[in-house]
C-alpha atoms as a PDB file:
ATOM      1  CA  MET A   1     -12.087 -12.866 -15.703  1.00  0.00           C
ATOM      2  CA  PHE A   2      -9.245 -10.407 -15.213  1.00  0.00           C
ATOM      3  CA  ALA A   3      -5.534 -10.610 -14.449  1.00  0.00           C
ATOM      4  CA  VAL A   4      -2.879  -8.345 -12.985  1.00  0.00           C
ATOM      5  CA  LEU A   5       0.374  -8.742 -14.924  1.00  0.00           C
ATOM      6  CA  LYS A   6       3.811  -7.230 -14.593  1.00  0.00           C
ATOM      7  CA  THR A   7       5.974  -5.990 -17.479  1.00  0.00           C
ATOM      8  CA  GLY A   8       8.577  -3.235 -17.831  1.00  0.00           C
ATOM      9  CA  GLY A   9       8.561  -2.716 -14.060  1.00  0.00           C
ATOM     10  CA  LYS A  10       4.864  -1.756 -14.076  1.00  0.00           C
ATOM     11  CA  GLN A  11       1.640  -3.585 -13.232  1.00  0.00           C
ATOM     12  CA  TYR A  12      -1.478  -3.677 -15.428  1.00  0.00           C
ATOM     13  CA  LYS A  13      -4.988  -4.941 -14.702  1.00  0.00           C
ATOM     14  CA  VAL A  14      -6.299  -6.482 -17.937  1.00  0.00           C
ATOM     15  CA  ALA A  15      -9.222  -8.488 -19.314  1.00  0.00           C
ATOM     16  CA  LYS A  16      -9.784 -10.256 -22.627  1.00  0.00           C
ATOM     17  CA  ASP A  17      -9.947  -7.897 -25.671  1.00  0.00           C
ATOM     18  CA  ASP A  18      -8.373  -5.000 -23.722  1.00  0.00           C
ATOM     19  CA  THR A  19      -5.974  -2.838 -25.742  1.00  0.00           C
ATOM     20  CA  PHE A  20      -3.201  -0.939 -23.954  1.00  0.00           C
ATOM     21  CA  THR A  21       0.436   0.148 -24.292  1.00  0.00           C
ATOM     22  CA  VAL A  22       3.473  -1.230 -22.455  1.00  0.00           C
ATOM     23  CA  GLU A  23       7.189  -0.463 -22.568  1.00  0.00           C
ATOM     24  CA  LYS A  24       8.700  -1.660 -25.860  1.00  0.00           C
ATOM     25  CA  LEU A  25       8.704  -5.437 -26.418  1.00  0.00           C
ATOM     26  CA  ALA A  26      11.042  -7.398 -28.685  1.00  0.00           C
ATOM     27  CA  ALA A  27       8.273  -8.383 -31.123  1.00  0.00           C
ATOM     28  CA  GLU A  28       6.887  -7.345 -34.505  1.00  0.00           C
ATOM     29  CA  PRO A  29       3.296  -6.207 -35.180  1.00  0.00           C
ATOM     30  CA  GLY A  30       1.058  -9.252 -35.701  1.00  0.00           C
ATOM     31  CA  GLU A  31       3.131 -11.506 -33.423  1.00  0.00           C
ATOM     32  CA  ALA A  32       1.604 -13.297 -30.449  1.00  0.00           C
ATOM     33  CA  VAL A  33       3.359 -12.858 -27.098  1.00  0.00           C
ATOM     34  CA  GLN A  34       2.780 -14.239 -23.620  1.00  0.00           C
ATOM     35  CA  PHE A  35       3.174 -12.386 -20.322  1.00  0.00           C
ATOM     36  CA  ASN A  36       4.262 -14.966 -17.765  1.00  0.00           C
ATOM     37  CA  GLU A  37       4.531 -12.709 -14.720  1.00  0.00           C
ATOM     38  CA  VAL A  38       0.921 -12.805 -13.493  1.00  0.00           C
ATOM     39  CA  LEU A  39       0.474 -11.411  -9.982  1.00  0.00           C
ATOM     40  CA  MET A  40      -3.223 -12.114  -9.581  1.00  0.00           C
ATOM     41  CA  LEU A  41      -6.190 -13.750 -11.296  1.00  0.00           C
ATOM     42  CA  GLY A  42      -9.721 -12.506 -10.570  1.00  0.00           C
ATOM     43  CA  GLY A  43     -13.272 -13.504 -11.449  1.00  0.00           C
ATOM     44  CA  GLU A  44     -15.535 -15.945  -9.607  1.00  0.00           C
ATOM     45  CA  THR A  45     -12.518 -16.829  -7.451  1.00  0.00           C
ATOM     46  CA  VAL A  46      -9.432 -14.749  -6.746  1.00  0.00           C
ATOM     47  CA  THR A  47      -5.925 -16.225  -6.865  1.00  0.00           C
ATOM     48  CA  VAL A  48      -3.015 -14.185  -5.558  1.00  0.00           C
ATOM     49  CA  GLY A  49       0.529 -15.194  -6.483  1.00  0.00           C
ATOM     50  CA  SER A  50       3.587 -15.291  -4.263  1.00  0.00           C
ATOM     51  CA  PRO A  51       4.794 -13.341  -6.112  1.00  0.00           C
ATOM     52  CA  PHE A  52       3.445 -14.926  -9.333  1.00  0.00           C
ATOM     53  CA  VAL A  53       0.573 -17.351  -9.948  1.00  0.00           C
ATOM     54  CA  ASP A  54       2.018 -20.750 -10.950  1.00  0.00           C
ATOM     55  CA  GLY A  55       1.130 -21.795 -14.496  1.00  0.00           C
ATOM     56  CA  ALA A  56      -0.819 -18.595 -15.225  1.00  0.00           C
ATOM     57  CA  ALA A  57      -0.154 -16.312 -18.199  1.00  0.00           C
ATOM     58  CA  VAL A  58      -1.700 -13.592 -20.315  1.00  0.00           C
ATOM     59  CA  GLN A  59      -1.493 -13.902 -24.094  1.00  0.00           C
ATOM     60  CA  ALA A  60      -1.667 -10.886 -26.385  1.00  0.00           C
ATOM     61  CA  GLU A  61      -1.257  -9.799 -29.990  1.00  0.00           C
ATOM     62  CA  VAL A  62       1.204  -7.032 -30.827  1.00  0.00           C
ATOM     63  CA  LEU A  63      -0.681  -4.336 -32.730  1.00  0.00           C
ATOM     64  CA  ASP A  64       1.974  -1.653 -33.225  1.00  0.00           C
ATOM     65  CA  GLN A  65       5.328  -0.218 -32.153  1.00  0.00           C
ATOM     66  CA  ILE A  66       4.899   3.461 -31.297  1.00  0.00           C
ATOM     67  CA  ARG A  67       6.501   6.334 -29.423  1.00  0.00           C
ATOM     68  CA  GLY A  68       4.844   8.142 -26.525  1.00  0.00           C
ATOM     69  CA  PRO A  69       4.368  11.895 -26.119  1.00  0.00           C
ATOM     70  CA  LYS A  70       7.451  14.053 -25.711  1.00  0.00           C
ATOM     71  CA  THR A  71       8.492  14.845 -22.161  1.00  0.00           C
ATOM     72  CA  ILE A  72      10.811  17.771 -21.404  1.00  0.00           C
ATOM     73  CA  SER A  73      13.459  17.720 -18.686  1.00  0.00           C
ATOM     74  CA  TYR A  74      15.094  20.975 -17.632  1.00  0.00           C
ATOM     75  CA  VAL A  75      18.141  21.202 -15.336  1.00  0.00           C
ATOM     76  CA  LYS A  76      19.626  24.450 -14.093  1.00  0.00           C
ATOM     77  CA  ARG A  77      22.621  24.938 -11.774  1.00  0.00           C
ATOM     78  CA  ARG A  78      22.632  28.358 -10.130  1.00  0.00           C
ATOM     79  CA  ARG A  79      26.124  28.292  -8.646  1.00  0.00           C
ATOM     80  CA  LYS A  80      29.588  28.366 -10.204  1.00  0.00           C
ATOM     81  CA  HIS A  81      29.089  28.210 -13.984  1.00  0.00           C
ATOM     82  CA  SER A  82      25.325  28.740 -13.848  1.00  0.00           C
ATOM     83  CA  SER A  83      24.747  26.086 -16.510  1.00  0.00           C
ATOM     84  CA  GLN A  84      21.370  25.018 -17.815  1.00  0.00           C
ATOM     85  CA  ARG A  85      20.221  22.120 -19.952  1.00  0.00           C
ATOM     86  CA  LYS A  86      16.977  21.246 -21.689  1.00  0.00           C
ATOM     87  CA  ARG A  87      16.277  17.819 -23.143  1.00  0.00           C
ATOM     88  CA  GLY A  88      13.312  16.105 -24.766  1.00  0.00           C
ATOM     89  CA  HIS A  89      12.484  12.403 -24.694  1.00  0.00           C
ATOM     90  CA  ARG A  90       9.891  10.155 -26.349  1.00  0.00           C
ATOM     91  CA  GLN A  91       9.519   6.672 -24.847  1.00  0.00           C
ATOM     92  CA  TYR A  92       9.321   3.646 -27.173  1.00  0.00           C
ATOM     93  CA  LEU A  93       6.074   1.744 -26.537  1.00  0.00           C
ATOM     94  CA  THR A  94       4.256  -1.345 -27.817  1.00  0.00           C
ATOM     95  CA  THR A  95       0.488  -1.516 -28.282  1.00  0.00           C
ATOM     96  CA  VAL A  96      -0.970  -4.937 -27.483  1.00  0.00           C
ATOM     97  CA  LYS A  97      -4.421  -6.539 -27.415  1.00  0.00           C
ATOM     98  CA  ILE A  98      -5.237  -9.236 -24.850  1.00  0.00           C
ATOM     99  CA  THR A  99      -6.380 -12.430 -26.570  1.00  0.00           C
ATOM    100  CA  GLU A 100      -6.404 -14.993 -23.753  1.00  0.00           C
ATOM    101  CA  ILE A 101      -5.963 -15.294 -19.980  1.00  0.00           C
ATOM    102  CA  LEU A 102      -4.649 -18.698 -18.920  1.00  0.00           C
ATOM    103  CA  ALA A 103      -5.147 -19.907 -15.355  1.00  0.00           C
ATOM    104  CA  SER A 104      -2.796 -22.854 -15.966  1.00  0.00           C
ATOM    105  CA  GLY A 105      -0.659 -24.556 -18.631  1.00  0.00           C
ATOM    106  CA  ALA A 106       1.350 -21.477 -19.589  1.00  0.00           C
ATOM    107  CA  ASP A 107       4.540 -23.527 -20.005  1.00  0.00           C
ATOM    108  CA  LYS A 108       2.893 -25.741 -22.654  1.00  0.00           C
ATOM    109  CA  SER A 109       1.287 -22.993 -24.741  1.00  0.00           C
ATOM    110  CA  GLY A 110       4.246 -22.592 -27.132  1.00  0.00           C
ATOM    111  CA  VAL A 111       3.684 -18.815 -27.394  1.00  0.00           C
ATOM    112  CA  LYS A 112       6.757 -16.553 -27.365  1.00  0.00           C
ATOM    113  CA  ALA A 113       7.428 -14.862 -24.002  1.00  0.00           C
ATOM    114  CA  ALA A 114       7.031 -11.080 -23.906  1.00  0.00           C
ATOM    115  CA  ILE A 115      10.551  -9.719 -23.357  1.00  0.00           C
ATOM    116  CA  GLY A 116      11.529  -6.067 -23.133  1.00  0.00           C
ATOM    117  CA  ALA A 117      13.427  -4.869 -26.220  1.00  0.00           C
ATOM    118  CA  ALA A 118      16.111  -3.192 -24.075  1.00  0.00           C
ATOM    119  CA  SER A 119      17.026  -6.281 -22.032  1.00  0.00           C
ATOM    120  CA  ALA A 120      17.184  -9.017 -24.707  1.00  0.00           C
ATOM    121  CA  PRO A 121      19.987  -7.629 -26.952  1.00  0.00           C
ATOM    122  CA  ALA A 122      22.142  -6.506 -24.001  1.00  0.00           C
ATOM    123  CA  GLU A 123      22.368 -10.040 -22.628  1.00  0.00           C
ATOM    124  CA  ALA A 124      23.437 -11.433 -26.008  1.00  0.00           C
ATOM    125  CA  ALA A 125      25.972  -8.678 -26.678  1.00  0.00           C
ATOM    126  CA  ALA A 126      27.620  -8.752 -23.230  1.00  0.00           C
ATOM    127  CA  PRO A 127      29.618 -12.003 -23.665  1.00  0.00           C
ATOM    128  CA  ALA A 128      30.900 -10.927 -27.107  1.00  0.00           C
ATOM    129  CA  ALA A 129      31.990  -7.536 -25.773  1.00  0.00           C
ATOM    130  CA  THR A 130      33.747  -9.210 -22.839  1.00  0.00           C
ATOM    131  CA  LYS A 131      35.668 -11.531 -25.195  1.00  0.00           C
ATOM    132  CA  LYS A 132      36.741  -8.628 -27.414  1.00  0.00           C
ATOM    133  CA  ALA A 133      37.886  -6.609 -24.397  1.00  0.00           C
ATOM    134  CA  ALA A 134      39.773  -9.555 -22.941  1.00  0.00           C
ATOM    135  CA  ALA A 135      41.586 -10.509 -26.174  1.00  0.00           C
ATOM    136  CA  PRO A 136      44.033  -7.545 -26.330  1.00  0.00           C
ATOM    137  CA  LYS A 137      44.982  -8.066 -22.655  1.00  0.00           C
ATOM    138  CA  ALA A 138      45.774 -11.701 -23.315  1.00  0.00           C
ATOM    139  CA  GLU A 139      47.950 -10.735 -26.295  1.00  0.00           C
ATOM    140  CA  LYS A 140      49.876  -8.161 -24.242  1.00  0.00           C
ATOM    141  CA  LYS A 141      50.563 -10.676 -21.491  1.00  0.00           C
ATOM    142  CA  ALA A 142      51.777 -13.190 -24.064  1.00  0.00           C
ATOM    143  CA  ASP A 143      54.023 -10.640 -25.823  1.00  0.00           C
ATOM    144  CA  ALA A 144      55.769  -9.331 -22.681  1.00  0.00           C
ATOM    145  CA  PRO A 145      57.793 -12.484 -21.852  1.00  0.00           C
ATOM    146  CA  LYS A 146      58.869 -12.873 -25.504  1.00  0.00           C
ATOM    147  CA  ALA A 147      60.357  -9.363 -25.622  1.00  0.00           C
ATOM    148  CA  ALA A 148      62.409  -9.908 -22.470  1.00  0.00           C
ATOM    149  CA  ALA A 149      63.294 -13.611 -22.951  1.00  0.00           C
ATOM    150  CA  GLY A 150      67.017 -14.224 -22.274  1.00  0.00           C
ATOM    151  CA  ALA A 151      67.741 -10.521 -21.755  1.00  0.00           C
ATOM    152  CA  ASP A 152      69.677  -9.056 -18.817  1.00  0.00           C
ATOM    153  CA  ASP A 153      67.888  -6.733 -16.402  1.00  0.00           C
ATOM    154  CA  LEU A 154      69.083  -3.495 -17.987  1.00  0.00           C
ATOM    155  CA  LYS A 155      67.320  -1.485 -15.262  1.00  0.00           C
ATOM    156  CA  LYS A 156      70.345  -2.247 -13.050  1.00  0.00           C
ATOM    157  CA  LEU A 157      72.237   0.402 -15.009  1.00  0.00           C
ATOM    158  CA  SER A 158      72.162   3.860 -13.429  1.00  0.00           C
ATOM    159  CA  GLY A 159      69.370   6.030 -14.862  1.00  0.00           C
ATOM    160  CA  VAL A 160      67.636   3.178 -16.755  1.00  0.00           C
ATOM    161  CA  GLY A 161      63.942   2.725 -16.000  1.00  0.00           C
ATOM    162  CA  PRO A 162      61.263   0.573 -17.668  1.00  0.00           C
ATOM    163  CA  ALA A 163      60.756   3.023 -20.566  1.00  0.00           C
ATOM    164  CA  LEU A 164      64.473   3.329 -21.335  1.00  0.00           C
ATOM    165  CA  GLU A 165      64.968  -0.427 -20.992  1.00  0.00           C
ATOM    166  CA  LYS A 166      62.193  -0.949 -23.563  1.00  0.00           C
ATOM    167  CA  LYS A 167      63.967   1.397 -26.017  1.00  0.00           C
ATOM    168  CA  LEU A 168      67.230  -0.491 -25.580  1.00  0.00           C
ATOM    169  CA  LEU A 169      65.552  -3.866 -26.144  1.00  0.00           C
ATOM    170  CA  GLU A 170      63.824  -2.540 -29.273  1.00  0.00           C
ATOM    171  CA  ALA A 171      67.244  -1.358 -30.525  1.00  0.00           C
ATOM    172  CA  GLY A 172      68.606  -4.911 -30.082  1.00  0.00           C
ATOM    173  CA  VAL A 173      70.553  -4.286 -26.865  1.00  0.00           C
ATOM    174  CA  THR A 174      69.736  -7.191 -24.551  1.00  0.00           C
ATOM    175  CA  SER A 175      72.845  -7.822 -22.422  1.00  0.00           C
ATOM    176  CA  PHE A 176      75.428  -6.039 -20.296  1.00  0.00           C
ATOM    177  CA  ALA A 177      78.174  -7.658 -22.425  1.00  0.00           C
ATOM    178  CA  GLN A 178      76.937  -5.756 -25.503  1.00  0.00           C
ATOM    179  CA  ILE A 179      77.071  -2.412 -23.686  1.00  0.00           C
ATOM    180  CA  ALA A 180      80.498  -3.219 -22.174  1.00  0.00           C
ATOM    181  CA  ALA A 181      81.884  -3.763 -25.683  1.00  0.00           C
ATOM    182  CA  TRP A 182      80.561  -0.499 -27.172  1.00  0.00           C
ATOM    183  CA  THR A 183      83.106   1.624 -29.072  1.00  0.00           C
ATOM    184  CA  GLU A 184      83.087   5.430 -29.154  1.00  0.00           C
ATOM    185  CA  ALA A 185      81.292   5.295 -32.509  1.00  0.00           C
ATOM    186  CA  GLU A 186      78.589   3.000 -31.086  1.00  0.00           C
ATOM    187  CA  VAL A 187      78.156   5.256 -28.038  1.00  0.00           C
ATOM    188  CA  ALA A 188      77.641   8.243 -30.369  1.00  0.00           C
ATOM    189  CA  GLU A 189      75.260   6.200 -32.531  1.00  0.00           C
ATOM    190  CA  PHE A 190      73.050   5.198 -29.564  1.00  0.00           C
ATOM    191  CA  ASP A 191      73.171   8.739 -28.157  1.00  0.00           C
ATOM    192  CA  GLU A 192      71.721   9.940 -31.462  1.00  0.00           C
ATOM    193  CA  LYS A 193      69.361   7.012 -32.117  1.00  0.00           C
ATOM    194  CA  LEU A 194      67.739   6.969 -28.672  1.00  0.00           C
ATOM    195  CA  SER A 195      68.121  10.676 -27.807  1.00  0.00           C
ATOM    196  CA  PHE A 196      70.312   9.890 -24.774  1.00  0.00           C
ATOM    197  CA  LYS A 197      72.219  13.235 -25.066  1.00  0.00           C
ATOM    198  CA  GLY A 198      75.451  12.106 -23.384  1.00  0.00           C
ATOM    199  CA  ARG A 199      73.780   9.951 -20.742  1.00  0.00           C
ATOM    200  CA  ILE A 200      75.901   6.883 -21.580  1.00  0.00           C
ATOM    201  CA  GLU A 201      79.151   8.608 -20.617  1.00  0.00           C
ATOM    202  CA  ARG A 202      77.626  10.719 -17.868  1.00  0.00           C
ATOM    203  CA  GLU A 203      76.145   7.703 -16.059  1.00  0.00           C
ATOM    204  CA  GLY A 204      79.159   5.480 -16.786  1.00  0.00           C
ATOM    205  CA  TRP A 205      77.153   2.685 -18.410  1.00  0.00           C
ATOM    206  CA  ILE A 206      80.143   0.944 -20.003  1.00  0.00           C
ATOM    207  CA  GLU A 207      81.979   0.573 -16.667  1.00  0.00           C
ATOM    208  CA  GLN A 208      78.792  -0.510 -14.921  1.00  0.00           C
ATOM    209  CA  ALA A 209      78.011  -3.002 -17.711  1.00  0.00           C
ATOM    210  CA  LYS A 210      81.525  -4.539 -17.432  1.00  0.00           C
ATOM    211  CA  ASP A 211      80.987  -4.935 -13.711  1.00  0.00           C
ATOM    212  CA  LEU A 212      77.507  -6.482 -14.088  1.00  0.00           C
ATOM    213  CA  ALA A 213      78.570  -8.764 -16.957  1.00  0.00           C
ATOM    214  CA  SER A 214      81.385 -10.265 -14.859  1.00  0.00           C
ATOM    215  CA  LYS A 215      79.064 -11.237 -11.993  1.00  0.00           C
END
């Protein structure tokens, strides 16, 4: 009896006691694994799946985790910078030995499913990574209203944009009334503290703030 199974995007025709290599599986040497994607069963009768044969499976023992022969890739770009690149790669593989071919009852066997080593960890790590990435965004959204709570829209002052408004809020200036009441000493202090370089007087913030505060 033989079976055609699918794993790692490839198909293999196998029989009991066959030994062959497949793309790396998430299993240790000595473990039993079960290939559940069986495309065809052959022998006295032939059963073809659509796409897989219901209840069929191929069980195997993991013999070793190895690496395949080195393959060399070479890329050269003739135009512009005329760059070239040479890289080597050795594929991770798993050697298995077929122990049993089941025509039915695969779901009741209790043997661990053969899963590719690359796919299993990625699925588990994805939700955690998403939560970590989402957490800072949530904090920023929560912080923004707190910073501006009860404050006047200082961007109404001539020459004040979002960045300058943020500097003013951080310096404790939150209302037009505060700016309208500034003394010459306070104007000089904020010119120095926030590197305004005469902007307060040049733009006429105090007069504008008095106007806006009275509305």
